[in-house]
Protein backbone atom coordinates (compact mmCIF):
# COMPACT_ATOMS: atom_id res chain seq x y z
CA UNK A 1 -0.01 -0.06 -0.11
CA UNK A 2 1.61 3.40 -1.15
CA UNK A 3 0.40 6.02 1.20
CA UNK A 4 1.66 9.49 1.42
CA UNK A 5 1.88 11.44 4.73
CA UNK A 6 -0.37 14.17 2.88
CA UNK A 7 -3.18 11.55 2.15
CA UNK A 8 -3.08 10.22 5.74
CA UNK A 9 -3.23 13.88 7.12
CA UNK A 10 -5.97 14.67 4.88
CA UNK A 11 -7.96 11.56 5.88
CA UNK A 12 -7.39 12.25 9.58
CA UNK A 13 -8.25 15.77 9.21
CA UNK A 14 -11.64 14.55 7.46
CA UNK A 15 -12.51 12.27 10.24
CA UNK A 16 -11.73 14.80 12.87
CA UNK A 17 -13.80 17.43 11.04
CA UNK A 18 -16.90 14.88 10.92
CA UNK A 19 -16.58 13.83 14.61
CA UNK A 20 -16.30 17.49 15.64
CA UNK A 21 -19.39 18.14 13.80
CA UNK A 22 -21.41 15.58 15.76
CA UNK A 23 -20.80 17.71 19.14
CA UNK A 24 -19.48 14.59 21.07
CA UNK A 25 -18.74 15.50 24.61
CA UNK A 26 -15.40 13.79 24.91
CA UNK A 27 -13.74 11.28 22.36
CA UNK A 28 -10.68 9.97 20.98
CA UNK A 29 -10.10 8.30 17.69
CA UNK A 30 -7.65 6.31 15.64
CA UNK A 31 -7.55 5.91 11.86
CA UNK A 32 -5.79 2.83 10.80
CA UNK A 33 -4.94 2.79 7.11
CA UNK A 34 -5.54 -0.60 5.10
CA UNK A 35 -5.91 -1.25 1.29
CA UNK A 36 -9.28 0.13 0.29
CA UNK A 37 -11.24 0.05 3.54
CA UNK A 38 -9.59 1.77 6.61
CA UNK A 39 -10.54 1.21 10.08
CA UNK A 40 -11.85 4.23 12.27
CA UNK A 41 -11.91 3.35 16.00
CA UNK A 42 -13.62 6.05 18.15
CA UNK A 43 -13.76 5.79 21.96
CA UNK A 44 -16.36 8.21 23.40
CA UNK A 45 -18.06 9.20 26.70
CA UNK A 46 -21.07 6.98 26.99
CA UNK A 47 -24.54 8.56 27.22
CA UNK A 48 -25.98 5.54 29.30
CA UNK A 49 -23.66 4.73 32.25
CA UNK A 50 -20.96 7.69 32.22
CA UNK A 51 -18.42 5.22 31.18
CA UNK A 52 -16.59 4.80 27.74
CA UNK A 53 -17.70 3.20 24.69
CA UNK A 54 -15.48 1.68 21.84
CA UNK A 55 -16.91 1.58 18.25
CA UNK A 56 -14.87 0.34 15.18
CA UNK A 57 -16.18 1.47 11.76
CA UNK A 58 -15.00 0.33 8.28
CA UNK A 59 -14.40 3.44 6.33
CA UNK A 60 -13.74 3.32 2.46
CA UNK A 61 -10.65 5.25 1.68
CA UNK A 62 -11.83 6.89 -1.41
CA UNK A 63 -15.16 7.97 0.14
CA UNK A 64 -13.22 9.44 3.23
CA UNK A 65 -10.86 11.28 1.01
CA UNK A 66 -13.92 12.72 -0.93
CA UNK A 67 -15.32 13.90 2.26
CA UNK A 68 -12.64 16.60 2.72
CA UNK A 69 -14.03 19.19 -0.05
CA UNK A 70 -17.32 17.52 -0.78
CA UNK A 71 -20.17 18.78 1.52
CA UNK A 72 -22.65 16.18 0.31
CA UNK A 73 -20.44 13.14 0.77
CA UNK A 74 -19.23 14.47 4.13
CA UNK A 75 -23.02 14.89 5.29
CA UNK A 76 -23.53 11.20 4.08
CA UNK A 77 -20.47 9.94 6.51
CA UNK A 78 -21.93 12.37 9.27
CA UNK A 79 -25.47 10.79 9.04
CA UNK A 80 -24.03 7.18 9.16
CA UNK A 81 -21.43 7.86 11.80
CA UNK A 82 -24.14 9.67 13.82
CA UNK A 83 -26.29 6.39 13.82
CA UNK A 84 -23.28 4.26 14.71
CA UNK A 85 -22.18 6.66 17.50
CA UNK A 86 -25.76 7.22 18.88
CA UNK A 87 -24.56 5.89 22.44
CA UNK A 88 -21.94 8.84 22.73
CA UNK A 89 -22.58 11.43 24.88
CA UNK A 90 -23.21 14.92 23.30
CA UNK A 91 -21.92 18.49 24.48
CA UNK A 92 -24.63 20.42 26.16
CA UNK A 93 -25.82 23.48 24.25
CA UNK A 94 -25.82 26.76 26.11
CA UNK A 95 -29.22 27.81 26.97
CA UNK A 96 -30.18 31.58 26.36
């Protein structure tokens, strides 16, 4: 697998951008390059018991790379990840 540092940085930035848009209260993540489908591991504060939850997602490399500058593709990933990460605790929104 030929992977440049720039590609890996772009993929990590894209994953972080989507995760931040989800407004998770606390999380860490790792993106593991594979051939065509990469593995995204997210550990997040859990909504139910106050602990942490670990979720592993298979992410097609080409689709992830498209998300960096394609709002429609990024929104599709956002919706899919939002469903998979539904147990994660979200940040509280300030009340006016």
